[in-house]
Amino acid sequence: MNRAAKRRPTTTPPARAETPTVQLEIAAMWLHEATMRLTELKHMDLSMDLTRVGHDCEAMARRV
Protein backbone atom coordinates (compact mmCIF):
# COMPACT_ATOMS: atom_id res chain seq x y z
CA MET A 1 0.00 0.00 0.00
CA ASN A 2 1.44 3.39 -0.88
CA ARG A 3 1.81 6.32 1.49
CA ALA A 4 -0.99 8.35 -0.02
CA ALA A 5 -3.48 5.58 0.68
CA LYS A 6 -2.40 5.38 4.33
CA ARG A 7 -2.87 9.08 5.07
CA ARG A 8 -6.11 10.05 6.71
CA PRO A 9 -7.54 13.51 6.13
CA THR A 10 -7.57 15.67 9.22
CA THR A 11 -11.00 16.90 10.14
CA THR A 12 -10.10 18.61 13.38
CA PRO A 13 -8.55 22.07 13.47
CA PRO A 14 -4.91 22.33 14.50
CA ALA A 15 -4.17 22.54 18.20
CA ARG A 16 -4.16 26.09 19.49
CA ALA A 17 -0.37 26.17 19.89
CA GLU A 18 0.01 25.20 16.25
CA THR A 19 -1.64 28.32 14.86
CA PRO A 20 0.66 31.13 13.70
CA THR A 21 -1.13 33.72 15.82
CA VAL A 22 -0.65 31.74 19.01
CA GLN A 23 2.97 31.02 18.16
CA LEU A 24 3.60 34.76 17.76
CA GLU A 25 1.84 35.49 21.05
CA ILE A 26 3.95 32.86 22.83
CA ALA A 27 7.13 34.28 21.26
CA ALA A 28 6.18 37.78 22.42
CA MET A 29 5.59 36.48 25.94
CA TRP A 30 9.01 34.77 26.06
CA LEU A 31 10.71 37.85 24.63
CA HIS A 32 9.09 39.99 27.31
CA GLU A 33 10.36 37.61 30.01
CA ALA A 34 13.87 37.71 28.53
CA THR A 35 13.71 41.50 28.38
CA MET A 36 12.85 41.73 32.06
CA ARG A 37 15.76 39.48 33.03
CA LEU A 38 18.23 41.34 30.81
CA THR A 39 17.10 44.64 32.33
CA GLU A 40 17.81 43.24 35.79
CA LEU A 41 21.29 42.25 34.58
CA LYS A 42 21.89 45.77 33.17
CA HIS A 43 22.03 44.69 29.52
CA MET A 44 19.96 47.64 28.33
CA ASP A 45 20.88 47.56 24.62
CA LEU A 46 19.94 43.91 24.22
CA SER A 47 16.86 44.43 26.36
CA MET A 48 15.66 47.23 24.07
CA ASP A 49 16.26 45.08 20.98
CA LEU A 50 14.21 42.24 22.44
CA THR A 51 11.47 44.67 23.43
CA ARG A 52 11.24 45.86 19.82
CA VAL A 53 11.11 42.30 18.48
CA GLY A 54 8.46 41.38 21.05
CA HIS A 55 6.34 44.33 19.97
CA ASP A 56 6.76 43.27 16.34
CA CYS A 57 5.53 39.76 17.24
CA GLU A 58 2.50 41.19 19.01
CA ALA A 59 1.71 43.43 16.05
CA MET A 60 1.97 40.52 13.62
CA ALA A 61 -0.28 38.38 15.85
CA ARG A 62 -2.94 41.12 15.72
CA ARG A 63 -2.73 41.23 11.91
CA VAL A 64 -3.11 37.47 11.43
PDB file of N, CA and C in Angstrom:
ATOM      1  N   MET A   1       0.849  -1.182   0.000  1.00  0.00           N
ATOM      2  CA  MET A   1       0.000   0.000   0.000  1.00  0.00           C
ATOM      3  C   MET A   1       0.895   1.246   0.000  1.00  0.00           C
ATOM      4  N   ASN A   2       0.586   2.197  -0.826  1.00  0.00           N
ATOM      5  CA  ASN A   2       1.439   3.387  -0.884  1.00  0.00           C
ATOM      6  C   ASN A   2       1.106   4.380   0.236  1.00  0.00           C
ATOM      7  N   ARG A   3       1.979   5.355   0.397  1.00  0.00           N
ATOM      8  CA  ARG A   3       1.814   6.324   1.488  1.00  0.00           C
ATOM      9  C   ARG A   3       0.540   7.139   1.369  1.00  0.00           C
ATOM     10  N   ALA A   4       0.194   7.528   0.172  1.00  0.00           N
ATOM     11  CA  ALA A   4      -0.991   8.352  -0.020  1.00  0.00           C
ATOM     12  C   ALA A   4      -2.245   7.630   0.452  1.00  0.00           C
ATOM     13  N   ALA A   5      -2.307   6.349   0.267  1.00  0.00           N
ATOM     14  CA  ALA A   5      -3.481   5.585   0.683  1.00  0.00           C
ATOM     15  C   ALA A   5      -3.557   5.465   2.200  1.00  0.00           C
ATOM     16  N   LYS A   6      -2.424   5.520   2.878  1.00  0.00           N
ATOM     17  CA  LYS A   6      -2.402   5.378   4.329  1.00  0.00           C
ATOM     18  C   LYS A   6      -2.772   6.672   5.055  1.00  0.00           C
ATOM     19  N   ARG A   7      -2.585   7.800   4.418  1.00  0.00           N
ATOM     20  CA  ARG A   7      -2.875   9.079   5.069  1.00  0.00           C
ATOM     21  C   ARG A   7      -4.369   9.256   5.272  1.00  0.00           C
ATOM     22  N   ARG A   8      -4.715   9.740   6.439  1.00  0.00           N
ATOM     23  CA  ARG A   8      -6.112  10.051   6.714  1.00  0.00           C
ATOM     24  C   ARG A   8      -6.275  11.564   6.687  1.00  0.00           C
ATOM     25  N   PRO A   9      -7.339  12.055   6.112  1.00  0.00           N
ATOM     26  CA  PRO A   9      -7.544  13.507   6.133  1.00  0.00           C
ATOM     27  C   PRO A   9      -7.830  13.974   7.559  1.00  0.00           C
ATOM     28  N   THR A  10      -7.307  15.135   7.892  1.00  0.00           N
ATOM     29  CA  THR A  10      -7.573  15.667   9.223  1.00  0.00           C
ATOM     30  C   THR A  10      -8.851  16.474   9.178  1.00  0.00           C
ATOM     31  N   THR A  11      -9.736  16.179  10.083  1.00  0.00           N
ATOM     32  CA  THR A  11     -11.002  16.903  10.137  1.00  0.00           C
ATOM     33  C   THR A  11     -11.057  17.849  11.313  1.00  0.00           C
ATOM     34  N   THR A  12     -10.115  17.725  12.228  1.00  0.00           N
ATOM     35  CA  THR A  12     -10.099  18.613  13.383  1.00  0.00           C
ATOM     36  C   THR A  12      -9.147  19.772  13.108  1.00  0.00           C
ATOM     37  N   PRO A  13      -9.457  20.937  13.662  1.00  0.00           N
ATOM     38  CA  PRO A  13      -8.550  22.072  13.465  1.00  0.00           C
ATOM     39  C   PRO A  13      -7.243  21.830  14.200  1.00  0.00           C
ATOM     40  N   PRO A  14      -6.185  22.513  13.811  1.00  0.00           N
ATOM     41  CA  PRO A  14      -4.906  22.330  14.500  1.00  0.00           C
ATOM     42  C   PRO A  14      -5.030  22.732  15.969  1.00  0.00           C
ATOM     43  N   ALA A  15      -4.193  22.155  16.785  1.00  0.00           N
ATOM     44  CA  ALA A  15      -4.174  22.536  18.202  1.00  0.00           C
ATOM     45  C   ALA A  15      -3.847  24.022  18.298  1.00  0.00           C
ATOM     46  N   ARG A  16      -4.322  24.645  19.347  1.00  0.00           N
ATOM     47  CA  ARG A  16      -4.159  26.088  19.492  1.00  0.00           C
ATOM     48  C   ARG A  16      -2.708  26.524  19.375  1.00  0.00           C
ATOM     49  N   ALA A  17      -1.784  25.782  19.932  1.00  0.00           N
ATOM     50  CA  ALA A  17      -0.374  26.174  19.891  1.00  0.00           C
ATOM     51  C   ALA A  17       0.229  26.034  18.501  1.00  0.00           C
ATOM     52  N   GLU A  18      -0.502  25.380  17.601  1.00  0.00           N
ATOM     53  CA  GLU A  18       0.014  25.197  16.250  1.00  0.00           C
ATOM     54  C   GLU A  18      -0.359  26.350  15.319  1.00  0.00           C
ATOM     55  N   THR A  19      -1.244  27.232  15.741  1.00  0.00           N
ATOM     56  CA  THR A  19      -1.643  28.321  14.862  1.00  0.00           C
ATOM     57  C   THR A  19      -0.581  29.421  14.881  1.00  0.00           C
ATOM     58  N   PRO A  20      -0.365  30.070  13.757  1.00  0.00           N
ATOM     59  CA  PRO A  20       0.660  31.127  13.696  1.00  0.00           C
ATOM     60  C   PRO A  20       0.417  32.256  14.691  1.00  0.00           C
ATOM     61  N   THR A  21      -0.833  32.628  14.896  1.00  0.00           N
ATOM     62  CA  THR A  21      -1.133  33.716  15.824  1.00  0.00           C
ATOM     63  C   THR A  21      -0.699  33.361  17.234  1.00  0.00           C
ATOM     64  N   VAL A  22      -1.013  32.161  17.665  1.00  0.00           N
ATOM     65  CA  VAL A  22      -0.648  31.744  19.014  1.00  0.00           C
ATOM     66  C   VAL A  22       0.859  31.609  19.141  1.00  0.00           C
ATOM     67  N   GLN A  23       1.514  31.124  18.114  1.00  0.00           N
ATOM     68  CA  GLN A  23       2.971  31.018  18.156  1.00  0.00           C
ATOM     69  C   GLN A  23       3.607  32.394  18.318  1.00  0.00           C
ATOM     70  N   LEU A  24       3.073  33.393  17.620  1.00  0.00           N
ATOM     71  CA  LEU A  24       3.597  34.756  17.757  1.00  0.00           C
ATOM     72  C   LEU A  24       3.336  35.305  19.151  1.00  0.00           C
ATOM     73  N   GLU A  25       2.154  35.024  19.705  1.00  0.00           N
ATOM     74  CA  GLU A  25       1.837  35.485  21.054  1.00  0.00           C
ATOM     75  C   GLU A  25       2.765  34.840  22.084  1.00  0.00           C
ATOM     76  N   ILE A  26       3.040  33.558  21.922  1.00  0.00           N
ATOM     77  CA  ILE A  26       3.954  32.864  22.827  1.00  0.00           C
ATOM     78  C   ILE A  26       5.364  33.436  22.700  1.00  0.00           C
ATOM     79  N   ALA A  27       5.798  33.690  21.467  1.00  0.00           N
ATOM     80  CA  ALA A  27       7.126  34.281  21.255  1.00  0.00           C
ATOM     81  C   ALA A  27       7.217  35.647  21.930  1.00  0.00           C
ATOM     82  N   ALA A  28       6.179  36.455  21.795  1.00  0.00           N
ATOM     83  CA  ALA A  28       6.177  37.780  22.418  1.00  0.00           C
ATOM     84  C   ALA A  28       6.261  37.655  23.937  1.00  0.00           C
ATOM     85  N   MET A  29       5.567  36.684  24.498  1.00  0.00           N
ATOM     86  CA  MET A  29       5.588  36.478  25.942  1.00  0.00           C
ATOM     87  C   MET A  29       7.000  36.095  26.414  1.00  0.00           C
ATOM     88  N   TRP A  30       7.653  35.182  25.695  1.00  0.00           N
ATOM     89  CA  TRP A  30       9.007  34.768  26.058  1.00  0.00           C
ATOM     90  C   TRP A  30       9.998  35.915  25.883  1.00  0.00           C
ATOM     91  N   LEU A  31       9.825  36.700  24.836  1.00  0.00           N
ATOM     92  CA  LEU A  31      10.710  37.851  24.628  1.00  0.00           C
ATOM     93  C   LEU A  31      10.554  38.865  25.752  1.00  0.00           C
ATOM     94  N   HIS A  32       9.328  39.062  26.199  1.00  0.00           N
ATOM     95  CA  HIS A  32       9.090  39.988  27.305  1.00  0.00           C
ATOM     96  C   HIS A  32       9.793  39.495  28.571  1.00  0.00           C
ATOM     97  N   GLU A  33       9.682  38.194  28.840  1.00  0.00           N
ATOM     98  CA  GLU A  33      10.357  37.614  30.007  1.00  0.00           C
ATOM     99  C   GLU A  33      11.878  37.793  29.909  1.00  0.00           C
ATOM    100  N   ALA A  34      12.430  37.533  28.733  1.00  0.00           N
ATOM    101  CA  ALA A  34      13.872  37.707  28.533  1.00  0.00           C
ATOM    102  C   ALA A  34      14.273  39.165  28.714  1.00  0.00           C
ATOM    103  N   THR A  35      13.440  40.070  28.243  1.00  0.00           N
ATOM    104  CA  THR A  35      13.710  41.501  28.382  1.00  0.00           C
ATOM    105  C   THR A  35      13.792  41.895  29.844  1.00  0.00           C
ATOM    106  N   MET A  36      12.857  41.394  30.641  1.00  0.00           N
ATOM    107  CA  MET A  36      12.855  41.727  32.064  1.00  0.00           C
ATOM    108  C   MET A  36      14.134  41.223  32.749  1.00  0.00           C
ATOM    109  N   ARG A  37      14.546  40.027  32.411  1.00  0.00           N
ATOM    110  CA  ARG A  37      15.763  39.477  33.028  1.00  0.00           C
ATOM    111  C   ARG A  37      17.014  40.228  32.582  1.00  0.00           C
ATOM    112  N   LEU A  38      17.068  40.588  31.310  1.00  0.00           N
ATOM    113  CA  LEU A  38      18.227  41.340  30.814  1.00  0.00           C
ATOM    114  C   LEU A  38      18.283  42.729  31.426  1.00  0.00           C
ATOM    115  N   THR A  39      17.133  43.329  31.674  1.00  0.00           N
ATOM    116  CA  THR A  39      17.099  44.635  32.325  1.00  0.00           C
ATOM    117  C   THR A  39      17.669  44.533  33.729  1.00  0.00           C
ATOM    118  N   GLU A  40      17.281  43.460  34.443  1.00  0.00           N
ATOM    119  CA  GLU A  40      17.813  43.244  35.792  1.00  0.00           C
ATOM    120  C   GLU A  40      19.332  43.074  35.771  1.00  0.00           C
ATOM    121  N   LEU A  41      19.847  42.489  34.696  1.00  0.00           N
ATOM    122  CA  LEU A  41      21.289  42.253  34.582  1.00  0.00           C
ATOM    123  C   LEU A  41      22.029  43.434  33.954  1.00  0.00           C
ATOM    124  N   LYS A  42      21.302  44.526  33.713  1.00  0.00           N
ATOM    125  CA  LYS A  42      21.888  45.767  33.175  1.00  0.00           C
ATOM    126  C   LYS A  42      22.370  45.642  31.729  1.00  0.00           C
ATOM    127  N   HIS A  43      21.724  44.811  30.949  1.00  0.00           N
ATOM    128  CA  HIS A  43      22.029  44.695  29.517  1.00  0.00           C
ATOM    129  C   HIS A  43      20.959  45.481  28.745  1.00  0.00           C
ATOM    130  N   MET A  44      21.020  46.779  28.852  1.00  0.00           N
ATOM    131  CA  MET A  44      19.956  47.637  28.330  1.00  0.00           C
ATOM    132  C   MET A  44      19.843  47.598  26.804  1.00  0.00           C
ATOM    133  N   ASP A  45      20.952  47.565  26.084  1.00  0.00           N
ATOM    134  CA  ASP A  45      20.880  47.555  24.623  1.00  0.00           C
ATOM    135  C   ASP A  45      20.171  46.302  24.110  1.00  0.00           C
ATOM    136  N   LEU A  46      20.569  45.170  24.633  1.00  0.00           N
ATOM    137  CA  LEU A  46      19.940  43.914  24.223  1.00  0.00           C
ATOM    138  C   LEU A  46      18.482  43.868  24.668  1.00  0.00           C
ATOM    139  N   SER A  47      18.218  44.381  25.842  1.00  0.00           N
ATOM    140  CA  SER A  47      16.855  44.428  26.356  1.00  0.00           C
ATOM    141  C   SER A  47      15.952  45.250  25.429  1.00  0.00           C
ATOM    142  N   MET A  48      16.451  46.384  24.971  1.00  0.00           N
ATOM    143  CA  MET A  48      15.663  47.230  24.065  1.00  0.00           C
ATOM    144  C   MET A  48      15.422  46.538  22.727  1.00  0.00           C
ATOM    145  N   ASP A  49      16.425  45.825  22.229  1.00  0.00           N
ATOM    146  CA  ASP A  49      16.260  45.084  20.975  1.00  0.00           C
ATOM    147  C   ASP A  49      15.183  44.017  21.123  1.00  0.00           C
ATOM    148  N   LEU A  50      15.216  43.279  22.222  1.00  0.00           N
ATOM    149  CA  LEU A  50      14.212  42.240  22.439  1.00  0.00           C
ATOM    150  C   LEU A  50      12.818  42.840  22.629  1.00  0.00           C
ATOM    151  N   THR A  51      12.752  43.995  23.265  1.00  0.00           N
ATOM    152  CA  THR A  51      11.468  44.671  23.426  1.00  0.00           C
ATOM    153  C   THR A  51      10.879  45.006  22.061  1.00  0.00           C
ATOM    154  N   ARG A  52      11.713  45.519  21.173  1.00  0.00           N
ATOM    155  CA  ARG A  52      11.244  45.865  19.822  1.00  0.00           C
ATOM    156  C   ARG A  52      10.747  44.628  19.083  1.00  0.00           C
ATOM    157  N   VAL A  53      11.515  43.532  19.160  1.00  0.00           N
ATOM    158  CA  VAL A  53      11.114  42.303  18.476  1.00  0.00           C
ATOM    159  C   VAL A  53       9.817  41.753  19.078  1.00  0.00           C
ATOM    160  N   GLY A  54       9.692  41.821  20.394  1.00  0.00           N
ATOM    161  CA  GLY A  54       8.462  41.375  21.049  1.00  0.00           C
ATOM    162  C   GLY A  54       7.255  42.177  20.593  1.00  0.00           C
ATOM    163  N   HIS A  55       7.431  43.482  20.453  1.00  0.00           N
ATOM    164  CA  HIS A  55       6.338  44.331  19.967  1.00  0.00           C
ATOM    165  C   HIS A  55       5.991  43.989  18.517  1.00  0.00           C
ATOM    166  N   ASP A  56       7.008  43.689  17.730  1.00  0.00           N
ATOM    167  CA  ASP A  56       6.761  43.271  16.345  1.00  0.00           C
ATOM    168  C   ASP A  56       5.955  41.967  16.303  1.00  0.00           C
ATOM    169  N   CYS A  57       6.283  41.025  17.183  1.00  0.00           N
ATOM    170  CA  CYS A  57       5.531  39.760  17.245  1.00  0.00           C
ATOM    171  C   CYS A  57       4.076  40.015  17.618  1.00  0.00           C
ATOM    172  N   GLU A  58       3.858  40.871  18.608  1.00  0.00           N
ATOM    173  CA  GLU A  58       2.499  41.189  19.010  1.00  0.00           C
ATOM    174  C   GLU A  58       1.720  41.848  17.882  1.00  0.00           C
ATOM    175  N   ALA A  59       2.367  42.762  17.175  1.00  0.00           N
ATOM    176  CA  ALA A  59       1.710  43.431  16.047  1.00  0.00           C
ATOM    177  C   ALA A  59       1.343  42.449  14.944  1.00  0.00           C
ATOM    178  N   MET A  60       2.245  41.530  14.651  1.00  0.00           N
ATOM    179  CA  MET A  60       1.969  40.518  13.620  1.00  0.00           C
ATOM    180  C   MET A  60       0.837  39.593  14.062  1.00  0.00           C
ATOM    181  N   ALA A  61       0.790  39.246  15.330  1.00  0.00           N
ATOM    182  CA  ALA A  61      -0.279  38.384  15.847  1.00  0.00           C
ATOM    183  C   ALA A  61      -1.636  39.064  15.694  1.00  0.00           C
ATOM    184  N   ARG A  62      -1.676  40.388  15.894  1.00  0.00           N
ATOM    185  CA  ARG A  62      -2.945  41.117  15.722  1.00  0.00           C
ATOM    186  C   ARG A  62      -3.376  41.160  14.267  1.00  0.00           C
ATOM    187  N   ARG A  63      -2.414  41.163  13.349  1.00  0.00           N
ATOM    188  CA  ARG A  63      -2.733  41.231  11.913  1.00  0.00           C
ATOM    189  C   ARG A  63      -3.226  39.901  11.364  1.00  0.00           C
ATOM    190  N   VAL A  64      -2.786  38.808  11.964  1.00  0.00           N
ATOM    191  CA  VAL A  64      -3.113  37.472  11.433  1.00  0.00           C
ATOM    192  C   VAL A  64      -4.544  37.127  11.665  1.00  0.00           C
TER     193      VAL A  64
END
